[in-house]
Amino acid sequence: MAHEKALTLVESLLGARLKRSDAERAAHGENEAHFPQALPDAVAYPKSTEEVSEIMKVAHAEGMPVTPYGTGTSLEGHHLPVEGGLTLDLSLMNRILAVHDADMDVTVQPGVTRSQLNDELRATGLYFPIDPGADASLGGMAATRASGTMAVRYGTMRENILALEAVLADGRIIRTGSRARKSSSGYDLTHLLIGSEGTLGIITELTLKLHGQPESILAATCRFPSVENAVNCVITTIQAGIPMARIELVNATMVRGFNLHGGGDMPEEPHLFLEFSGSDSAVSEQSELFGEIAADFDAQDFTRATRLEDRNALWAMRHNAHHASKALYPGKRMLATDVCVPISRLAEAVEAAEGAARELGLEPVIVGHVGDGNFHTGIGFDPADPAELAMIESFSATLAETSLRLGGTVSGEHGIGLGKRKYMEAEHGPALAPMRAIKAAMDPKGILNPGKMLP
């Protein structure tokens, strides 16, 4: 087997926590998206930063590829070991190391999941709001610069990480940032590692900002006669300064998927899913102001929910959008892609996405964190059918070009991974050369998550 010497040395470090079974390899070679299976030669389960360091020293000496793995929920194939080697599963590094209530920060290992952290924090009155939908690991969320439904209020992982610990390709351990809320000291290595998708280092510890749990939360839905009306309502709401906690768009096709998946009977028209949070009076005022704006865009059925179970049901439906989309395309794989544009160009971008898909005879589902100009498009296809694959490639390229033409980016939160490397040159141009230089300096043998990010 390839890399047998390296794997034997890792096995001497980890014992039974190095797994070589076909089932274990297969479990780490699948993905939620449409990419083909890619199997590692083995899967390692370290429990400490020191073990990660020793593993990387072996991998660096022997030239063995290493692909970090959180929970496997990413949608651009980030965690697929396309060149074999070792998958580094960080799920056993799942301790919450320190909660600093007074400073509103927490230090965790990378395998801690978002829900695990918030369960632990419940009694403190604090929480971590970044919510990509899936119960992802916090290390994976940092590595992919995740965001999600709460980004319009709280920002992305980029804005909510104070400090990191990471293991470099040769096994060196570094710390970046501090628990201080600001610094003007040195190169910003913390934000270099955030979003690097495991290509520059293995994140082994994170210090995160926390936020106070709101006194009152109100969720709501309303429907519109067109996507344009819904998006323009969002733009007006943001420009009016209403501090939305969440504001999500789903198009009529997505509503049909929700109905099929969950047995619902929502009218098949574009909807906004909303959340307001703050004091009782602030939430009441925010929802009333939004209702007035929505009425100007012909909104119907502005329905509010304050009970926890009703709010949870609403957001569970939204977070199941990927699986609900599959109900529209039984037996097919899903292209799940995202772009992000300036909010003033959002309506144009969404309409262009729907139009480009329909020109190809495709019926797209669209869901979006539209408060920050980010939306997702899903289309079912058969990867074994060359004609369908060509249509998907054509649609993806059109969507990326449209986003860049409108002053946006080819990915607001899914990241680059395998799927969007081909667009990096168009987006970054000459800036791609410094990126390559950074990669070469930090990973000279190219063993960290090879085949990702850079074309």
Protein backbone atom coordinates (compact mmCIF):
# COMPACT_ATOMS: atom_id res chain seq x y z
CA MET A 1 0.00 0.00 0.00
CA ALA A 2 1.12 3.53 -0.70
CA HIS A 3 2.64 5.35 2.28
CA GLU A 4 2.93 2.09 4.25
CA LYS A 5 6.02 3.23 6.15
CA ALA A 6 4.34 6.48 7.23
CA LEU A 7 1.16 4.69 8.26
CA THR A 8 3.12 2.15 10.29
CA LEU A 9 4.82 5.00 12.14
CA VAL A 10 1.48 6.72 12.80
CA GLU A 11 0.05 3.41 14.03
CA SER A 12 2.91 3.17 16.51
CA LEU A 13 1.78 6.58 17.86
CA LEU A 14 -1.97 5.97 17.96
CA GLY A 15 -2.39 2.21 18.20
CA ALA A 16 -6.03 1.25 17.55
CA ARG A 17 -6.90 4.87 16.77
CA LEU A 18 -5.42 4.39 13.31
CA LYS A 19 -8.19 2.74 11.28
CA ARG A 20 -7.61 0.92 7.99
CA SER A 21 -10.89 -0.92 7.46
CA ASP A 22 -12.80 -0.51 4.19
CA ALA A 23 -15.85 0.75 6.10
CA GLU A 24 -13.85 3.43 7.92
CA ARG A 25 -12.16 4.57 4.71
CA ALA A 26 -15.47 4.66 2.83
CA ALA A 27 -17.14 6.71 5.57
CA HIS A 28 -14.46 9.38 5.13
CA GLY A 29 -14.51 9.28 1.34
CA GLU A 30 -18.16 10.28 0.81
CA ASN A 31 -19.64 13.76 0.62
CA GLU A 32 -22.96 15.62 0.80
CA ALA A 33 -22.47 17.06 -2.69
CA HIS A 34 -21.94 15.56 -6.13
CA PHE A 35 -18.24 14.72 -6.07
CA PRO A 36 -17.14 11.11 -6.61
CA GLN A 37 -15.92 8.97 -3.72
CA ALA A 38 -12.27 9.50 -2.76
CA LEU A 39 -10.78 7.03 -0.28
CA PRO A 40 -7.94 7.65 2.17
CA ASP A 41 -5.41 4.92 2.81
CA ALA A 42 -6.22 5.15 6.53
CA VAL A 43 -8.02 7.31 9.09
CA ALA A 44 -6.30 8.68 12.22
CA TYR A 45 -8.12 9.83 15.37
CA PRO A 46 -5.76 12.04 17.41
CA LYS A 47 -6.76 13.24 20.89
CA SER A 48 -4.31 16.12 21.38
CA THR A 49 -2.35 18.82 19.64
CA GLU A 50 0.83 16.94 20.47
CA GLU A 51 -0.43 13.85 18.64
CA VAL A 52 -1.36 15.94 15.61
CA SER A 53 2.14 17.42 15.70
CA GLU A 54 3.80 13.99 15.78
CA ILE A 55 1.58 12.75 12.94
CA MET A 56 2.50 15.76 10.80
CA LYS A 57 6.20 15.26 11.47
CA VAL A 58 5.87 11.73 10.07
CA ALA A 59 3.74 12.86 7.12
CA HIS A 60 6.17 15.66 6.27
CA ALA A 61 9.21 13.38 6.43
CA GLU A 62 7.55 10.73 4.26
CA GLY A 63 5.64 13.01 1.87
CA MET A 64 2.24 11.58 2.84
CA PRO A 65 -0.89 13.65 2.08
CA VAL A 66 -3.00 14.58 5.11
CA THR A 67 -6.62 15.72 4.82
CA PRO A 68 -8.34 17.14 7.94
CA TYR A 69 -11.90 15.97 8.66
CA GLY A 70 -14.51 17.55 10.94
CA THR A 71 -18.04 16.23 10.44
CA GLY A 72 -18.01 15.87 6.64
CA THR A 73 -20.85 18.34 6.03
CA SER A 74 -19.02 20.67 3.62
CA LEU A 75 -20.48 21.06 0.14
CA GLU A 76 -17.42 21.65 -2.05
CA GLY A 77 -15.54 18.42 -1.32
CA HIS A 78 -13.08 20.02 1.10
CA HIS A 79 -12.65 16.85 3.17
CA LEU A 80 -12.21 14.37 0.30
CA PRO A 81 -8.70 12.83 0.23
CA VAL A 82 -8.35 13.02 -3.55
CA GLU A 83 -4.69 11.99 -3.41
CA GLY A 84 -5.16 9.27 -0.80
CA GLY A 85 -2.90 9.30 2.21
CA LEU A 86 -4.20 9.94 5.72
CA THR A 87 -7.52 11.43 6.78
CA LEU A 88 -7.11 13.21 10.12
CA ASP A 89 -10.46 12.87 11.90
CA LEU A 90 -10.54 15.46 14.72
CA SER A 91 -13.80 14.31 16.34
CA LEU A 92 -12.05 13.01 19.48
CA MET A 93 -10.55 16.47 20.09
CA ASN A 94 -13.90 17.64 21.41
CA ARG A 95 -13.24 19.30 24.77
CA ILE A 96 -14.41 22.74 25.81
CA LEU A 97 -11.21 23.96 27.44
CA ALA A 98 -12.19 27.24 29.12
CA VAL A 99 -15.25 29.49 29.34
CA HIS A 100 -14.52 33.10 30.32
CA ASP A 101 -17.95 34.53 31.18
CA ALA A 102 -16.72 37.99 32.10
CA ASP A 103 -14.78 38.38 28.88
CA MET A 104 -17.45 36.65 26.77
CA ASP A 105 -15.09 34.20 25.09
CA VAL A 106 -14.48 30.46 25.06
CA THR A 107 -11.57 28.20 24.09
CA VAL A 108 -12.38 24.86 22.46
CA GLN A 109 -10.79 21.99 20.61
CA PRO A 110 -11.68 21.72 16.90
CA GLY A 111 -13.95 18.68 17.21
CA VAL A 112 -16.47 20.51 19.42
CA THR A 113 -19.69 20.98 17.49
CA ARG A 114 -21.81 24.11 17.43
CA SER A 115 -24.70 22.49 19.32
CA GLN A 116 -22.38 20.90 21.89
CA LEU A 117 -20.90 24.31 22.68
CA ASN A 118 -24.26 26.03 23.03
CA ASP A 119 -25.59 23.23 25.25
CA GLU A 120 -22.60 23.78 27.53
CA LEU A 121 -23.10 27.56 27.54
CA ARG A 122 -26.83 27.57 28.25
CA ALA A 123 -26.50 28.27 31.99
CA THR A 124 -24.12 31.20 31.41
CA GLY A 125 -26.58 33.35 29.47
CA LEU A 126 -24.12 33.37 26.56
CA TYR A 127 -24.10 31.60 23.22
CA PHE A 128 -22.21 31.21 19.96
CA PRO A 129 -24.52 32.36 17.16
CA ILE A 130 -22.80 31.28 13.94
CA ASP A 131 -25.18 28.72 12.45
CA PRO A 132 -24.39 27.12 9.07
CA GLY A 133 -27.37 24.78 9.41
CA ALA A 134 -25.51 21.49 9.79
CA ASP A 135 -24.18 20.66 13.25
CA ALA A 136 -20.67 21.21 11.99
CA SER A 137 -17.47 21.08 14.02
CA LEU A 138 -16.07 24.45 15.03
CA GLY A 139 -12.68 23.57 13.58
CA GLY A 140 -14.30 22.81 10.24
CA MET A 141 -16.33 26.01 10.44
CA ALA A 142 -13.13 28.00 10.97
CA ALA A 143 -11.28 26.21 8.20
CA THR A 144 -14.06 26.93 5.69
CA ARG A 145 -14.87 30.44 7.01
CA ALA A 146 -18.47 29.34 7.57
CA SER A 147 -21.36 31.67 8.28
CA GLY A 148 -25.05 30.81 7.82
CA THR A 149 -28.40 32.21 8.80
CA MET A 150 -27.20 34.50 11.63
CA ALA A 151 -24.44 36.25 9.67
CA VAL A 152 -26.57 39.29 8.89
CA ARG A 153 -26.55 40.11 12.63
CA TYR A 154 -23.36 38.56 14.00
CA GLY A 155 -21.03 38.21 11.01
CA THR A 156 -19.17 35.07 9.93
CA MET A 157 -16.54 32.88 11.58
CA ARG A 158 -13.99 35.47 10.46
CA GLU A 159 -15.47 38.09 12.80
CA ASN A 160 -15.94 35.70 15.73
CA ILE A 161 -12.53 34.07 16.18
CA LEU A 162 -10.01 35.77 18.45
CA ALA A 163 -7.16 33.27 18.41
CA LEU A 164 -6.10 29.91 17.04
CA GLU A 165 -3.62 27.16 17.70
CA ALA A 166 -2.46 25.28 14.61
CA VAL A 167 -0.04 22.55 13.60
CA LEU A 168 1.97 23.35 10.47
CA ALA A 169 2.87 20.90 7.72
CA ASP A 170 6.19 19.99 9.35
CA GLY A 171 4.65 19.46 12.80
CA ARG A 172 5.49 22.82 14.35
CA ILE A 173 2.83 24.18 16.72
CA ILE A 174 1.98 27.87 16.51
CA ARG A 175 -0.47 30.19 18.26
CA THR A 176 -2.02 33.15 16.49
CA GLY A 177 -3.93 36.03 18.03
CA SER A 178 -4.89 36.36 21.70
CA ARG A 179 -7.93 36.80 23.92
CA ALA A 180 -7.63 40.57 23.58
CA ARG A 181 -10.40 42.07 21.46
CA LYS A 182 -8.00 43.88 19.15
CA SER A 183 -4.34 43.93 18.21
CA SER A 184 -2.01 45.77 15.83
CA SER A 185 0.84 43.32 16.38
CA GLY A 186 2.38 41.46 13.47
CA TYR A 187 0.93 39.72 10.43
CA ASP A 188 -2.66 38.55 10.93
CA LEU A 189 -2.02 34.80 10.79
CA THR A 190 -5.33 34.07 12.51
CA HIS A 191 -7.30 35.35 9.55
CA LEU A 192 -4.89 33.71 7.12
CA LEU A 193 -5.76 30.31 8.61
CA ILE A 194 -9.51 31.05 8.77
CA GLY A 195 -10.88 29.92 5.43
CA SER A 196 -7.66 28.17 4.36
CA GLU A 197 -9.55 24.85 4.16
CA GLY A 198 -6.80 22.80 5.80
CA THR A 199 -4.25 23.71 3.12
CA LEU A 200 -1.95 25.80 5.35
CA GLY A 201 -2.21 24.14 8.76
CA ILE A 202 -4.35 21.93 11.02
CA ILE A 203 -6.41 24.00 13.48
CA THR A 204 -6.16 22.33 16.90
CA GLU A 205 -7.65 24.98 19.21
CA LEU A 206 -9.94 28.01 18.81
CA THR A 207 -10.81 30.99 21.01
CA LEU A 208 -14.23 32.33 20.03
CA LYS A 209 -16.26 35.42 20.86
CA LEU A 210 -19.53 34.79 22.67
CA HIS A 211 -22.72 36.84 22.67
CA GLY A 212 -25.52 37.36 25.15
CA GLN A 213 -28.63 35.25 24.72
CA PRO A 214 -31.44 37.63 23.65
CA GLU A 215 -34.29 38.35 26.03
CA SER A 216 -36.92 37.80 23.37
CA ILE A 217 -37.00 36.04 19.98
CA LEU A 218 -39.72 36.18 17.36
CA ALA A 219 -39.70 34.17 14.14
CA ALA A 220 -41.94 34.91 11.18
CA THR A 221 -42.72 34.05 7.58
CA CYS A 222 -44.39 35.90 4.74
CA ARG A 223 -44.86 35.23 1.03
CA PHE A 224 -44.49 37.42 -2.05
CA PRO A 225 -45.78 37.34 -5.62
CA SER A 226 -42.21 37.28 -7.01
CA VAL A 227 -38.58 36.80 -6.03
CA GLU A 228 -37.96 40.39 -7.08
CA ASN A 229 -40.51 41.69 -4.57
CA ALA A 230 -39.06 39.54 -1.79
CA VAL A 231 -35.48 40.60 -2.48
CA ASN A 232 -36.37 44.26 -2.77
CA CYS A 233 -38.19 43.98 0.56
CA VAL A 234 -34.96 42.62 2.07
CA ILE A 235 -32.89 45.44 0.59
CA THR A 236 -35.27 48.07 1.94
CA THR A 237 -35.31 46.39 5.37
CA ILE A 238 -31.51 46.38 5.62
CA GLN A 239 -31.24 49.94 4.38
CA ALA A 240 -33.82 51.00 6.97
CA GLY A 241 -31.46 49.79 9.70
CA ILE A 242 -33.78 47.16 11.19
CA PRO A 243 -31.36 44.84 13.08
CA MET A 244 -32.57 41.49 11.72
CA ALA A 245 -31.26 38.36 13.42
CA ARG A 246 -32.05 36.27 10.33
CA ILE A 247 -33.66 37.03 6.98
CA GLU A 248 -33.82 34.13 4.54
CA LEU A 249 -35.28 33.81 1.04
CA VAL A 250 -36.72 30.62 -0.45
CA ASN A 251 -38.09 30.54 -3.98
CA ALA A 252 -41.28 28.79 -5.08
CA THR A 253 -39.43 25.63 -6.14
CA MET A 254 -37.82 25.36 -2.71
CA VAL A 255 -41.25 25.70 -1.07
CA ARG A 256 -42.43 22.78 -3.22
CA GLY A 257 -39.47 20.78 -1.91
CA PHE A 258 -40.37 21.65 1.70
CA ASN A 259 -43.93 20.46 1.08
CA LEU A 260 -42.77 17.18 -0.46
CA HIS A 261 -40.14 16.53 2.21
CA GLY A 262 -42.21 17.49 5.23
CA GLY A 263 -45.78 16.90 4.09
CA GLY A 264 -46.62 20.62 4.32
CA ASP A 265 -49.01 22.77 2.35
CA MET A 266 -47.26 26.13 2.09
CA PRO A 267 -48.37 28.20 -0.94
CA GLU A 268 -45.79 27.65 -3.67
CA GLU A 269 -44.61 31.23 -3.89
CA PRO A 270 -41.37 32.93 -2.78
CA HIS A 271 -41.16 33.30 1.01
CA LEU A 272 -39.01 35.11 3.52
CA PHE A 273 -38.16 33.37 6.81
CA LEU A 274 -37.33 35.95 9.48
CA GLU A 275 -36.12 36.24 13.05
CA PHE A 276 -36.09 39.27 15.33
CA SER A 277 -34.27 39.30 18.66
CA GLY A 278 -33.61 41.69 21.55
CA SER A 279 -35.79 43.08 24.30
CA ASP A 280 -39.54 42.50 24.20
CA SER A 281 -40.19 46.06 23.10
CA ALA A 282 -37.41 46.03 20.48
CA VAL A 283 -38.65 42.79 18.95
CA SER A 284 -42.20 44.13 18.78
CA GLU A 285 -41.05 47.37 17.15
CA GLN A 286 -38.78 45.57 14.67
CA SER A 287 -41.52 43.21 13.53
CA GLU A 288 -44.03 46.04 13.13
CA LEU A 289 -41.59 48.07 11.04
CA PHE A 290 -40.80 45.08 8.89
CA GLY A 291 -44.50 44.38 8.40
CA GLU A 292 -45.02 47.92 7.09
CA ILE A 293 -42.13 47.54 4.63
CA ALA A 294 -43.29 44.09 3.50
CA ALA A 295 -46.78 45.41 2.79
CA ASP A 296 -45.27 47.86 0.30
CA PHE A 297 -43.98 44.85 -1.65
CA ASP A 298 -47.33 43.01 -1.65
CA ALA A 299 -46.41 40.52 1.10
CA GLN A 300 -49.12 38.16 2.27
CA ASP A 301 -49.56 35.91 5.33
CA PHE A 302 -47.14 37.68 7.67
CA THR A 303 -47.22 35.01 10.38
CA ARG A 304 -45.35 35.36 13.67
CA ALA A 305 -44.12 32.62 16.03
CA THR A 306 -42.84 33.23 19.56
CA ARG A 307 -43.09 29.72 21.07
CA LEU A 308 -39.75 27.89 21.08
CA GLU A 309 -41.16 24.77 19.40
CA ASP A 310 -42.71 26.81 16.58
CA ARG A 311 -39.48 28.73 16.00
CA ASN A 312 -37.45 25.53 16.03
CA ALA A 313 -39.80 23.91 13.51
CA LEU A 314 -39.45 26.88 11.18
CA TRP A 315 -35.65 26.86 11.25
CA ALA A 316 -35.45 23.07 11.11
CA MET A 317 -37.38 23.29 7.84
CA ARG A 318 -34.96 25.92 6.51
CA HIS A 319 -31.89 23.98 7.62
CA ASN A 320 -33.24 20.86 5.89
CA ALA A 321 -33.29 22.69 2.55
CA HIS A 322 -30.55 20.45 1.11
CA HIS A 323 -32.53 17.29 1.91
CA ALA A 324 -35.82 18.88 0.87
CA SER A 325 -34.23 19.75 -2.48
CA LYS A 326 -33.46 16.08 -3.00
CA ALA A 327 -37.19 15.34 -2.73
CA LEU A 328 -37.62 17.25 -5.98
CA TYR A 329 -34.97 15.15 -7.72
CA PRO A 330 -35.37 11.56 -6.49
CA GLY A 331 -32.42 9.34 -7.30
CA LYS A 332 -30.18 12.24 -8.35
CA ARG A 333 -27.22 14.03 -6.81
CA MET A 334 -27.43 17.73 -5.97
CA LEU A 335 -25.37 20.59 -7.24
CA ALA A 336 -25.44 22.85 -4.17
CA THR A 337 -23.57 26.06 -4.95
CA ASP A 338 -23.51 29.59 -3.62
CA VAL A 339 -22.42 33.08 -4.64
CA CYS A 340 -22.50 36.43 -2.86
CA VAL A 341 -23.01 39.91 -4.35
CA PRO A 342 -23.45 43.45 -3.02
CA ILE A 343 -26.96 43.62 -1.64
CA SER A 344 -28.03 46.27 -4.17
CA ARG A 345 -27.35 43.73 -6.98
CA LEU A 346 -29.04 40.82 -5.24
CA ALA A 347 -32.35 40.86 -7.12
CA GLU A 348 -30.48 40.97 -10.43
CA ALA A 349 -28.26 38.07 -9.39
CA VAL A 350 -31.14 35.85 -8.23
CA GLU A 351 -33.16 36.55 -11.36
CA ALA A 352 -30.10 35.79 -13.52
CA ALA A 353 -29.58 32.49 -11.69
CA GLU A 354 -33.18 31.41 -12.23
CA GLY A 355 -33.10 32.53 -15.86
CA ALA A 356 -29.80 30.76 -16.64
CA ALA A 357 -31.10 27.52 -15.17
CA ARG A 358 -34.40 27.63 -17.04
CA GLU A 359 -32.65 28.34 -20.34
CA LEU A 360 -30.99 24.96 -19.84
CA GLY A 361 -34.31 23.30 -19.02
CA LEU A 362 -33.46 23.10 -15.30
CA GLU A 363 -35.66 24.02 -12.34
CA PRO A 364 -33.46 25.54 -9.62
CA VAL A 365 -34.14 25.73 -5.90
CA ILE A 366 -32.88 28.96 -4.38
CA VAL A 367 -32.38 29.66 -0.70
CA GLY A 368 -30.43 32.59 0.56
CA HIS A 369 -29.00 34.45 3.52
CA VAL A 370 -30.17 37.42 1.54
CA GLY A 371 -29.54 39.98 4.27
CA ASP A 372 -25.85 39.84 3.34
CA GLY A 373 -26.25 39.20 -0.38
CA ASN A 374 -25.51 35.46 -0.23
CA PHE A 375 -27.73 32.87 -1.89
CA HIS A 376 -27.56 29.16 -2.71
CA THR A 377 -28.77 27.40 -5.83
CA GLY A 378 -29.56 23.69 -5.95
CA ILE A 379 -30.18 21.54 -9.04
CA GLY A 380 -30.52 17.77 -9.26
CA PHE A 381 -28.61 15.86 -11.92
CA ASP A 382 -27.17 12.47 -12.81
CA PRO A 383 -23.36 12.65 -12.73
CA ALA A 384 -23.22 9.56 -14.99
CA ASP A 385 -25.16 11.38 -17.74
CA PRO A 386 -22.70 13.47 -19.82
CA ALA A 387 -25.45 15.77 -21.09
CA GLU A 388 -26.72 16.56 -17.59
CA LEU A 389 -23.18 17.00 -16.30
CA ALA A 390 -22.44 19.45 -19.13
CA MET A 391 -25.57 21.46 -18.27
CA ILE A 392 -24.56 21.68 -14.63
CA GLU A 393 -21.05 22.83 -15.57
CA SER A 394 -22.51 25.45 -17.90
CA PHE A 395 -24.89 26.72 -15.23
CA SER A 396 -22.14 26.90 -12.57
CA ALA A 397 -19.88 28.87 -14.88
CA THR A 398 -22.67 31.32 -15.75
CA LEU A 399 -23.52 31.82 -12.09
CA ALA A 400 -19.87 32.47 -11.17
CA GLU A 401 -19.43 34.91 -14.06
CA THR A 402 -22.64 36.74 -13.12
CA SER A 403 -21.51 37.13 -9.52
CA LEU A 404 -18.11 38.51 -10.50
CA ARG A 405 -19.68 40.86 -13.05
CA LEU A 406 -21.92 42.27 -10.32
CA GLY A 407 -19.00 42.93 -7.98
CA GLY A 408 -19.37 39.74 -5.95
CA THR A 409 -17.53 36.51 -5.18
CA VAL A 410 -17.90 32.94 -6.45
CA SER A 411 -18.57 31.72 -2.91
CA GLY A 412 -19.97 33.53 0.09
CA GLU A 413 -19.68 30.61 2.48
CA HIS A 414 -19.39 27.17 0.83
CA GLY A 415 -15.75 27.82 0.05
CA ILE A 416 -13.58 26.64 -2.84
CA GLY A 417 -12.57 23.04 -2.11
CA LEU A 418 -12.68 20.95 -5.26
CA GLY A 419 -15.65 22.52 -6.95
CA LYS A 420 -14.67 26.14 -7.45
CA ARG A 421 -10.91 26.04 -8.01
CA LYS A 422 -11.52 26.68 -11.70
CA TYR A 423 -12.93 30.16 -10.90
CA MET A 424 -10.10 31.36 -8.66
CA GLU A 425 -8.11 32.92 -11.52
CA ALA A 426 -11.13 34.91 -12.71
CA GLU A 427 -11.85 36.24 -9.21
CA HIS A 428 -8.35 36.89 -7.91
CA GLY A 429 -6.21 37.43 -10.99
CA PRO A 430 -2.65 38.49 -10.05
CA ALA A 431 -3.47 37.98 -6.35
CA LEU A 432 -3.38 34.25 -6.98
CA ALA A 433 0.44 34.35 -7.23
CA PRO A 434 0.92 35.53 -3.60
CA MET A 435 -1.55 32.86 -2.50
CA ARG A 436 0.58 30.22 -4.21
CA ALA A 437 3.70 31.66 -2.59
CA ILE A 438 2.11 31.48 0.87
CA LYS A 439 1.09 27.86 0.25
CA ALA A 440 4.61 26.97 -0.91
CA ALA A 441 6.17 28.65 2.14
CA MET A 442 3.89 27.00 4.68
CA ASP A 443 3.54 23.60 2.99
CA PRO A 444 6.59 23.15 0.71
CA LYS A 445 5.86 19.47 0.02
CA GLY A 446 2.19 20.10 -0.75
CA ILE A 447 0.91 17.46 1.69
CA LEU A 448 -1.84 19.49 3.41
CA ASN A 449 -5.23 18.79 1.79
CA PRO A 450 -3.76 18.58 -1.71
CA GLY A 451 -5.96 19.21 -4.74
CA LYS A 452 -8.03 21.91 -3.06
CA MET A 453 -8.36 25.69 -3.21
CA LEU A 454 -5.65 26.63 -5.74
CA PRO A 455 -6.14 25.67 -9.40
